[in-house]
């Protein structure tokens, strides 16, 4: 089974590569963004990482942030925060079954 960091990396890479398949909205907070993608997109282990009507929250390891800083900076640039100093990344995922969407919320701390 893939680790949560592998799955999160693949989902974020997909979103970056296919922006026309995703709706990106500012988060409720300045340091966050919320993304929705159709649940027809094939994702690894969606039943684990995108539980229906429940939130899955992951605090990503510092190694994940340092190894994927270019990818993460792409998403951080979409927040209202304009400095690039973040040290933590919280990723919240869910399957919004009634809306046929996967939710990906990124919060940069």
Protein backbone atom coordinates (compact mmCIF):
# COMPACT_ATOMS: atom_id res chain seq x y z
CA UNK A 1 0.00 0.00 0.00
CA UNK A 2 1.23 3.49 -0.79
CA UNK A 3 2.04 5.84 2.05
CA UNK A 4 -0.08 8.90 2.58
CA UNK A 5 2.76 11.05 1.25
CA UNK A 6 2.89 9.03 -1.99
CA UNK A 7 -0.84 9.36 -2.47
CA UNK A 8 -0.85 13.08 -1.65
CA UNK A 9 2.07 13.66 -4.01
CA UNK A 10 0.27 11.88 -6.86
CA UNK A 11 -2.99 13.74 -6.26
CA UNK A 12 -1.25 17.13 -6.15
CA UNK A 13 0.78 16.29 -9.26
CA UNK A 14 -2.42 15.32 -11.07
CA UNK A 15 -4.12 18.56 -10.05
CA UNK A 16 -1.16 20.64 -11.24
CA UNK A 17 -0.96 18.76 -14.55
CA UNK A 18 -4.72 18.88 -15.20
CA UNK A 19 -5.96 22.26 -13.97
CA UNK A 20 -8.99 22.08 -16.25
CA UNK A 21 -10.19 19.02 -14.28
CA UNK A 22 -10.11 20.85 -10.94
CA UNK A 23 -11.93 23.70 -9.27
CA UNK A 24 -9.58 25.66 -7.01
CA UNK A 25 -11.04 28.07 -4.49
CA UNK A 26 -9.43 30.18 -1.79
CA UNK A 27 -9.72 28.59 1.60
CA UNK A 28 -11.58 30.08 4.50
CA UNK A 29 -8.20 31.25 5.80
CA UNK A 30 -5.51 33.23 3.99
CA UNK A 31 -3.02 30.34 4.20
CA UNK A 32 -5.28 27.68 2.67
CA UNK A 33 -6.81 26.61 -0.63
CA UNK A 34 -9.60 24.16 -1.33
CA UNK A 35 -9.71 22.02 -4.47
CA UNK A 36 -12.44 19.82 -5.88
CA UNK A 37 -11.99 17.17 -8.53
CA UNK A 38 -14.52 14.79 -10.02
CA UNK A 39 -14.74 11.46 -8.29
CA UNK A 40 -14.42 9.78 -11.68
CA UNK A 41 -10.68 10.54 -11.55
CA UNK A 42 -8.77 7.36 -10.78
CA UNK A 43 -6.92 7.72 -7.47
CA UNK A 44 -4.96 5.18 -5.49
CA UNK A 45 -6.92 3.77 -2.55
CA UNK A 46 -9.68 6.38 -2.49
CA UNK A 47 -11.56 4.43 0.18
CA UNK A 48 -8.63 5.04 2.54
CA UNK A 49 -7.50 8.54 1.61
CA UNK A 50 -10.86 9.96 0.49
CA UNK A 51 -13.43 8.55 2.92
CA UNK A 52 -17.06 9.32 2.09
CA UNK A 53 -18.55 12.04 4.27
CA UNK A 54 -15.56 12.01 6.63
CA UNK A 55 -12.42 14.08 6.78
CA UNK A 56 -8.95 12.56 6.57
CA UNK A 57 -6.37 14.99 7.98
CA UNK A 58 -2.65 14.51 7.44
CA UNK A 59 0.18 16.63 8.77
CA UNK A 60 2.86 16.08 6.18
CA UNK A 61 6.38 15.24 7.35
CA UNK A 62 9.10 17.89 7.00
CA UNK A 63 10.83 15.56 4.53
CA UNK A 64 7.76 15.63 2.28
CA UNK A 65 7.82 19.44 2.28
CA UNK A 66 11.53 19.68 1.51
CA UNK A 67 11.41 16.98 -1.21
CA UNK A 68 8.39 18.53 -2.94
CA UNK A 69 8.91 22.23 -2.38
CA UNK A 70 8.50 23.18 -6.05
CA UNK A 71 5.16 21.38 -6.29
CA UNK A 72 3.99 22.79 -2.97
CA UNK A 73 5.09 26.32 -3.89
CA UNK A 74 2.78 26.08 -6.93
CA UNK A 75 -0.18 25.59 -4.58
CA UNK A 76 1.08 28.01 -1.94
CA UNK A 77 1.14 30.72 -4.62
CA UNK A 78 -2.63 30.24 -4.94
CA UNK A 79 -3.22 31.24 -1.31
CA UNK A 80 -3.68 34.82 -0.16
CA UNK A 81 -0.35 34.67 1.70
CA UNK A 82 2.37 36.15 -0.47
CA UNK A 83 5.49 35.26 1.47
CA UNK A 84 6.95 31.82 0.92
CA UNK A 85 7.73 30.94 4.51
CA UNK A 86 5.78 27.90 5.57
CA UNK A 87 7.08 25.07 7.69
CA UNK A 88 4.07 22.80 7.99
CA UNK A 89 1.52 21.44 5.55
CA UNK A 90 -1.82 20.04 6.61
CA UNK A 91 -3.76 18.14 3.96
CA UNK A 92 -7.44 17.39 4.48
CA UNK A 93 -9.18 15.06 2.05
CA UNK A 94 -12.67 13.65 1.70
CA UNK A 95 -15.10 12.19 -0.79
CA UNK A 96 -18.18 14.39 -1.15
CA UNK A 97 -20.28 11.56 -2.53
CA UNK A 98 -23.49 13.57 -2.98
CA UNK A 99 -21.57 16.13 -5.07
CA UNK A 100 -19.47 13.48 -6.90
CA UNK A 101 -16.30 15.31 -5.90
CA UNK A 102 -13.09 14.66 -4.06
CA UNK A 103 -12.04 17.42 -1.68
CA UNK A 104 -8.41 18.39 -1.17
CA UNK A 105 -7.73 21.19 1.31
CA UNK A 106 -4.16 22.45 1.78
CA UNK A 107 -3.26 24.55 4.79
CA UNK A 108 0.24 26.04 4.91
CA UNK A 109 1.51 26.95 8.38
